[in-house]
Amino acid sequence: MNDNEQISALLTPYLNDDQFYVVDIQVAGRRGGRIKVTILLDSDSGISIDECATISRKLGNDMEEQHLFDDAPFTLEVSSPGVDFPLTFARQYKRNIGRQLLIVLTDNEQHRGTLVSADDTGIVVDIIPEVRSKTKQKKEQEAGIVRLSGPTSLPYEQIKKATVEIVFN
């Protein structure tokens, strides 16, 4: 098993029967120096600092007992993904219904819009029409480019990256 798989296996008992889920595990600095392990956890209702700290203490002890890095010094950081971290799971999309997203599609086209709904196969976003000059609109029309706008269904396979945008009213 690689480092991520071993860490994931040690972490599983602390996920409270799937209440929490792993968003990302990163292990850096393996070449003789201090190793940094960063784990991002989330839940359908968010995860508190106290919950992260409790999991971090328990997991850190397990990692030491298992000699996960052959007694090399390591730093363990357990936190929630920041608001700017890309959404990766349907559970995250569902929790952010009603919020504005910046979405990059697999064809690298970018769209902004309000997340209307999400299920296990994709999302519906009310896309905000992009303001473009008349010249650009004409060129796109001549090239057969159709811009998405209004309520649009997007399967997860078409989404390269989606992040929540903070909107100040």
C-alpha atoms as a PDB file:
ATOM      1  CA  MET A   1       0.000   0.000   0.000  1.00  0.00           C
ATOM      2  CA  ASN A   2       1.204   3.523  -0.719  1.00  0.00           C
ATOM      3  CA  ASP A   3       1.223   6.288   1.915  1.00  0.00           C
ATOM      4  CA  ASN A   4      -2.213   7.649   0.976  1.00  0.00           C
ATOM      5  CA  GLU A   5      -3.803   4.194   1.143  1.00  0.00           C
ATOM      6  CA  GLN A   6      -2.215   3.478   4.535  1.00  0.00           C
ATOM      7  CA  ILE A   7      -3.326   6.843   5.915  1.00  0.00           C
ATOM      8  CA  SER A   8      -6.823   6.330   4.522  1.00  0.00           C
ATOM      9  CA  ALA A   9      -7.041   2.903   6.185  1.00  0.00           C
ATOM     10  CA  LEU A  10      -5.952   4.357   9.540  1.00  0.00           C
ATOM     11  CA  LEU A  11      -8.374   7.268   9.129  1.00  0.00           C
ATOM     12  CA  THR A  12     -11.482   5.195   8.324  1.00  0.00           C
ATOM     13  CA  PRO A  13     -12.448   4.373  11.958  1.00  0.00           C
ATOM     14  CA  TYR A  14     -12.593   8.100  12.756  1.00  0.00           C
ATOM     15  CA  LEU A  15     -14.975   9.033   9.947  1.00  0.00           C
ATOM     16  CA  ASN A  16     -17.970   8.231  12.196  1.00  0.00           C
ATOM     17  CA  ASP A  17     -19.750   5.753   9.926  1.00  0.00           C
ATOM     18  CA  ASP A  18     -19.420   7.975   6.860  1.00  0.00           C
ATOM     19  CA  GLN A  19     -20.456  11.206   8.622  1.00  0.00           C
ATOM     20  CA  PHE A  20     -17.111  12.635   7.502  1.00  0.00           C
ATOM     21  CA  TYR A  21     -15.418  11.927   4.190  1.00  0.00           C
ATOM     22  CA  VAL A  22     -11.929  12.429   2.834  1.00  0.00           C
ATOM     23  CA  VAL A  23     -11.638  15.175   0.228  1.00  0.00           C
ATOM     24  CA  ASP A  24      -7.872  14.984  -0.223  1.00  0.00           C
ATOM     25  CA  ILE A  25      -4.729  13.445   1.268  1.00  0.00           C
ATOM     26  CA  GLN A  26      -1.314  14.869   0.395  1.00  0.00           C
ATOM     27  CA  VAL A  27       2.067  13.617   1.568  1.00  0.00           C
ATOM     28  CA  ALA A  28       5.047  15.867   0.817  1.00  0.00           C
ATOM     29  CA  GLY A  29       8.741  15.982   1.670  1.00  0.00           C
ATOM     30  CA  ARG A  30       9.563  12.295   1.735  1.00  0.00           C
ATOM     31  CA  ARG A  31      13.296  12.742   0.913  1.00  0.00           C
ATOM     32  CA  GLY A  32      15.030  12.502   4.284  1.00  0.00           C
ATOM     33  CA  GLY A  33      13.491  15.648   5.764  1.00  0.00           C
ATOM     34  CA  ARG A  34      10.336  16.299   7.742  1.00  0.00           C
ATOM     35  CA  ILE A  35       7.282  14.799   6.079  1.00  0.00           C
ATOM     36  CA  LYS A  36       4.123  16.902   5.843  1.00  0.00           C
ATOM     37  CA  VAL A  37       0.787  15.101   5.727  1.00  0.00           C
ATOM     38  CA  THR A  38      -2.232  17.239   4.862  1.00  0.00           C
ATOM     39  CA  ILE A  39      -5.705  15.726   5.104  1.00  0.00           C
ATOM     40  CA  LEU A  40      -8.860  17.558   4.078  1.00  0.00           C
ATOM     41  CA  LEU A  41     -12.102  16.245   5.572  1.00  0.00           C
ATOM     42  CA  ASP A  42     -15.674  17.369   5.083  1.00  0.00           C
ATOM     43  CA  SER A  43     -19.221  16.354   5.964  1.00  0.00           C
ATOM     44  CA  ASP A  44     -22.692  17.213   4.738  1.00  0.00           C
ATOM     45  CA  SER A  45     -22.974  19.820   7.497  1.00  0.00           C
ATOM     46  CA  GLY A  46     -19.324  20.903   7.584  1.00  0.00           C
ATOM     47  CA  ILE A  47     -16.631  19.918  10.072  1.00  0.00           C
ATOM     48  CA  SER A  48     -15.563  21.918  13.121  1.00  0.00           C
ATOM     49  CA  ILE A  49     -12.052  22.756  14.267  1.00  0.00           C
ATOM     50  CA  ASP A  50     -12.596  20.599  17.360  1.00  0.00           C
ATOM     51  CA  GLU A  51     -13.599  17.609  15.221  1.00  0.00           C
ATOM     52  CA  CYS A  52     -10.499  18.085  13.049  1.00  0.00           C
ATOM     53  CA  ALA A  53      -8.290  18.347  16.147  1.00  0.00           C
ATOM     54  CA  THR A  54      -9.748  15.173  17.688  1.00  0.00           C
ATOM     55  CA  ILE A  55      -9.262  13.194  14.487  1.00  0.00           C
ATOM     56  CA  SER A  56      -5.757  14.628  14.071  1.00  0.00           C
ATOM     57  CA  ARG A  57      -4.685  13.530  17.581  1.00  0.00           C
ATOM     58  CA  LYS A  58      -6.059  10.011  17.167  1.00  0.00           C
ATOM     59  CA  LEU A  59      -4.699   9.565  13.648  1.00  0.00           C
ATOM     60  CA  GLY A  60      -1.297  11.001  14.593  1.00  0.00           C
ATOM     61  CA  ASN A  61      -0.999   8.494  17.436  1.00  0.00           C
ATOM     62  CA  ASP A  62      -1.948   5.639  15.096  1.00  0.00           C
ATOM     63  CA  MET A  63       0.585   6.775  12.498  1.00  0.00           C
ATOM     64  CA  GLU A  64       3.343   6.839  15.140  1.00  0.00           C
ATOM     65  CA  GLU A  65       2.371   3.424  16.541  1.00  0.00           C
ATOM     66  CA  GLN A  66       2.375   1.926  13.044  1.00  0.00           C
ATOM     67  CA  HIS A  67       5.763   3.553  12.234  1.00  0.00           C
ATOM     68  CA  LEU A  68       4.129   4.743   9.033  1.00  0.00           C
ATOM     69  CA  PHE A  69       7.171   6.716   7.893  1.00  0.00           C
ATOM     70  CA  ASP A  70       9.829   4.469   9.477  1.00  0.00           C
ATOM     71  CA  ASP A  71      10.196   6.830  12.445  1.00  0.00           C
ATOM     72  CA  ALA A  72      10.917   9.826  10.177  1.00  0.00           C
ATOM     73  CA  PRO A  73       9.561  13.061  11.683  1.00  0.00           C
ATOM     74  CA  PHE A  74       6.231  14.186  10.263  1.00  0.00           C
ATOM     75  CA  THR A  75       3.729  16.987  10.625  1.00  0.00           C
ATOM     76  CA  LEU A  76       0.043  16.121  10.398  1.00  0.00           C
ATOM     77  CA  GLU A  77      -2.491  18.745   9.402  1.00  0.00           C
ATOM     78  CA  VAL A  78      -6.201  17.841   9.393  1.00  0.00           C
ATOM     79  CA  SER A  79      -8.625  20.532   8.257  1.00  0.00           C
ATOM     80  CA  SER A  80     -11.646  21.249   6.140  1.00  0.00           C
ATOM     81  CA  PRO A  81     -11.221  22.344   2.531  1.00  0.00           C
ATOM     82  CA  GLY A  82     -11.276  26.122   2.240  1.00  0.00           C
ATOM     83  CA  VAL A  83     -14.035  27.856   0.352  1.00  0.00           C
ATOM     84  CA  ASP A  84     -11.658  28.198  -2.603  1.00  0.00           C
ATOM     85  CA  PHE A  85     -10.954  24.449  -2.761  1.00  0.00           C
ATOM     86  CA  PRO A  86     -12.648  22.835  -5.789  1.00  0.00           C
ATOM     87  CA  LEU A  87     -15.817  20.820  -5.226  1.00  0.00           C
ATOM     88  CA  THR A  88     -15.110  17.167  -5.963  1.00  0.00           C
ATOM     89  CA  PHE A  89     -17.999  15.122  -4.558  1.00  0.00           C
ATOM     90  CA  ALA A  90     -21.759  15.185  -5.150  1.00  0.00           C
ATOM     91  CA  ARG A  91     -22.129  15.667  -1.380  1.00  0.00           C
ATOM     92  CA  GLN A  92     -20.230  18.956  -1.626  1.00  0.00           C
ATOM     93  CA  TYR A  93     -22.352  20.207  -4.507  1.00  0.00           C
ATOM     94  CA  LYS A  94     -25.569  19.350  -2.628  1.00  0.00           C
ATOM     95  CA  ARG A  95     -24.386  21.317   0.402  1.00  0.00           C
ATOM     96  CA  ASN A  96     -23.711  24.398  -1.759  1.00  0.00           C
ATOM     97  CA  ILE A  97     -27.101  24.640  -3.507  1.00  0.00           C
ATOM     98  CA  GLY A  98     -28.058  28.299  -3.816  1.00  0.00           C
ATOM     99  CA  ARG A  99     -24.465  29.530  -3.927  1.00  0.00           C
ATOM    100  CA  GLN A 100     -22.632  31.012  -6.892  1.00  0.00           C
ATOM    101  CA  LEU A 101     -20.038  28.807  -8.591  1.00  0.00           C
ATOM    102  CA  LEU A 102     -17.239  29.380 -11.059  1.00  0.00           C
ATOM    103  CA  ILE A 103     -17.222  26.313 -13.292  1.00  0.00           C
ATOM    104  CA  VAL A 104     -14.526  25.274 -15.751  1.00  0.00           C
ATOM    105  CA  LEU A 105     -15.722  22.639 -18.200  1.00  0.00           C
ATOM    106  CA  THR A 106     -13.570  19.933 -19.759  1.00  0.00           C
ATOM    107  CA  ASP A 107     -13.323  22.062 -22.920  1.00  0.00           C
ATOM    108  CA  ASN A 108     -11.855  24.851 -20.679  1.00  0.00           C
ATOM    109  CA  GLU A 109     -14.926  27.052 -21.133  1.00  0.00           C
ATOM    110  CA  GLN A 110     -15.718  29.021 -17.948  1.00  0.00           C
ATOM    111  CA  HIS A 111     -19.158  29.844 -16.591  1.00  0.00           C
ATOM    112  CA  ARG A 112     -20.536  31.536 -13.504  1.00  0.00           C
ATOM    113  CA  GLY A 113     -23.906  30.737 -12.094  1.00  0.00           C
ATOM    114  CA  THR A 114     -26.061  29.795  -9.151  1.00  0.00           C
ATOM    115  CA  LEU A 115     -26.189  26.125  -8.234  1.00  0.00           C
ATOM    116  CA  VAL A 116     -29.859  25.133  -8.479  1.00  0.00           C
ATOM    117  CA  SER A 117     -29.678  21.397  -7.771  1.00  0.00           C
ATOM    118  CA  ALA A 118     -27.295  18.455  -7.554  1.00  0.00           C
ATOM    119  CA  ASP A 119     -27.664  14.695  -7.593  1.00  0.00           C
ATOM    120  CA  ASP A 120     -25.378  11.715  -8.044  1.00  0.00           C
ATOM    121  CA  THR A 121     -24.992  12.273 -11.811  1.00  0.00           C
ATOM    122  CA  GLY A 122     -24.632  16.032 -12.191  1.00  0.00           C
ATOM    123  CA  ILE A 123     -25.808  19.529 -11.385  1.00  0.00           C
ATOM    124  CA  VAL A 124     -28.172  22.204 -12.657  1.00  0.00           C
ATOM    125  CA  VAL A 125     -26.697  25.700 -12.705  1.00  0.00           C
ATOM    126  CA  ASP A 126     -28.493  28.936 -13.571  1.00  0.00           C
ATOM    127  CA  ILE A 127     -25.676  30.343 -15.697  1.00  0.00           C
ATOM    128  CA  ILE A 128     -25.178  34.092 -15.692  1.00  0.00           C
ATOM    129  CA  PRO A 129     -24.801  35.315 -19.285  1.00  0.00           C
ATOM    130  CA  GLU A 130     -21.333  36.685 -19.960  1.00  0.00           C
ATOM    131  CA  VAL A 131     -21.229  40.303 -21.105  1.00  0.00           C
ATOM    132  CA  ARG A 132     -19.410  40.403 -24.439  1.00  0.00           C
ATOM    133  CA  SER A 133     -18.876  43.068 -27.051  1.00  0.00           C
ATOM    134  CA  LYS A 134     -21.034  42.979 -30.166  1.00  0.00           C
ATOM    135  CA  THR A 135     -17.924  42.221 -32.230  1.00  0.00           C
ATOM    136  CA  LYS A 136     -17.106  39.198 -30.083  1.00  0.00           C
ATOM    137  CA  GLN A 137     -20.739  38.048 -30.181  1.00  0.00           C
ATOM    138  CA  LYS A 138     -20.738  38.285 -33.975  1.00  0.00           C
ATOM    139  CA  LYS A 139     -17.457  36.338 -34.292  1.00  0.00           C
ATOM    140  CA  GLU A 140     -18.776  33.605 -31.989  1.00  0.00           C
ATOM    141  CA  GLN A 141     -22.028  33.429 -33.941  1.00  0.00           C
ATOM    142  CA  GLU A 142     -20.134  33.124 -37.242  1.00  0.00           C
ATOM    143  CA  ALA A 143     -17.941  30.392 -35.729  1.00  0.00           C
ATOM    144  CA  GLY A 144     -21.014  28.514 -34.500  1.00  0.00           C
ATOM    145  CA  ILE A 145     -20.099  28.972 -30.840  1.00  0.00           C
ATOM    146  CA  VAL A 146     -23.124  28.772 -28.569  1.00  0.00           C
ATOM    147  CA  ARG A 147     -22.751  30.252 -25.087  1.00  0.00           C
ATOM    148  CA  LEU A 148     -24.574  28.593 -22.228  1.00  0.00           C
ATOM    149  CA  SER A 149     -27.003  30.718 -20.237  1.00  0.00           C
ATOM    150  CA  GLY A 150     -29.923  30.200 -17.909  1.00  0.00           C
ATOM    151  CA  PRO A 151     -30.681  26.886 -16.185  1.00  0.00           C
ATOM    152  CA  THR A 152     -28.240  24.327 -17.604  1.00  0.00           C
ATOM    153  CA  SER A 153     -27.730  20.654 -16.717  1.00  0.00           C
ATOM    154  CA  LEU A 154     -24.106  19.592 -16.459  1.00  0.00           C
ATOM    155  CA  PRO A 155     -23.022  16.005 -15.817  1.00  0.00           C
ATOM    156  CA  TYR A 156     -20.017  15.709 -13.503  1.00  0.00           C
ATOM    157  CA  GLU A 157     -17.969  14.272 -16.383  1.00  0.00           C
ATOM    158  CA  GLN A 158     -18.140  17.670 -18.144  1.00  0.00           C
ATOM    159  CA  ILE A 159     -16.906  19.588 -15.089  1.00  0.00           C
ATOM    160  CA  LYS A 160     -13.151  20.008 -14.879  1.00  0.00           C
ATOM    161  CA  LYS A 161     -13.255  22.278 -11.817  1.00  0.00           C
ATOM    162  CA  ALA A 162     -15.937  24.039  -9.793  1.00  0.00           C
ATOM    163  CA  THR A 163     -15.355  26.449  -6.928  1.00  0.00           C
ATOM    164  CA  VAL A 164     -17.731  28.397  -4.727  1.00  0.00           C
ATOM    165  CA  GLU A 165     -17.497  32.144  -5.243  1.00  0.00           C
ATOM    166  CA  ILE A 166     -17.982  34.483  -2.338  1.00  0.00           C
ATOM    167  CA  VAL A 167     -20.581  37.093  -3.271  1.00  0.00           C
ATOM    168  CA  PHE A 168     -20.961  40.236  -1.172  1.00  0.00           C
ATOM    169  CA  ASN A 169     -24.391  41.818  -1.413  1.00  0.00           C
END
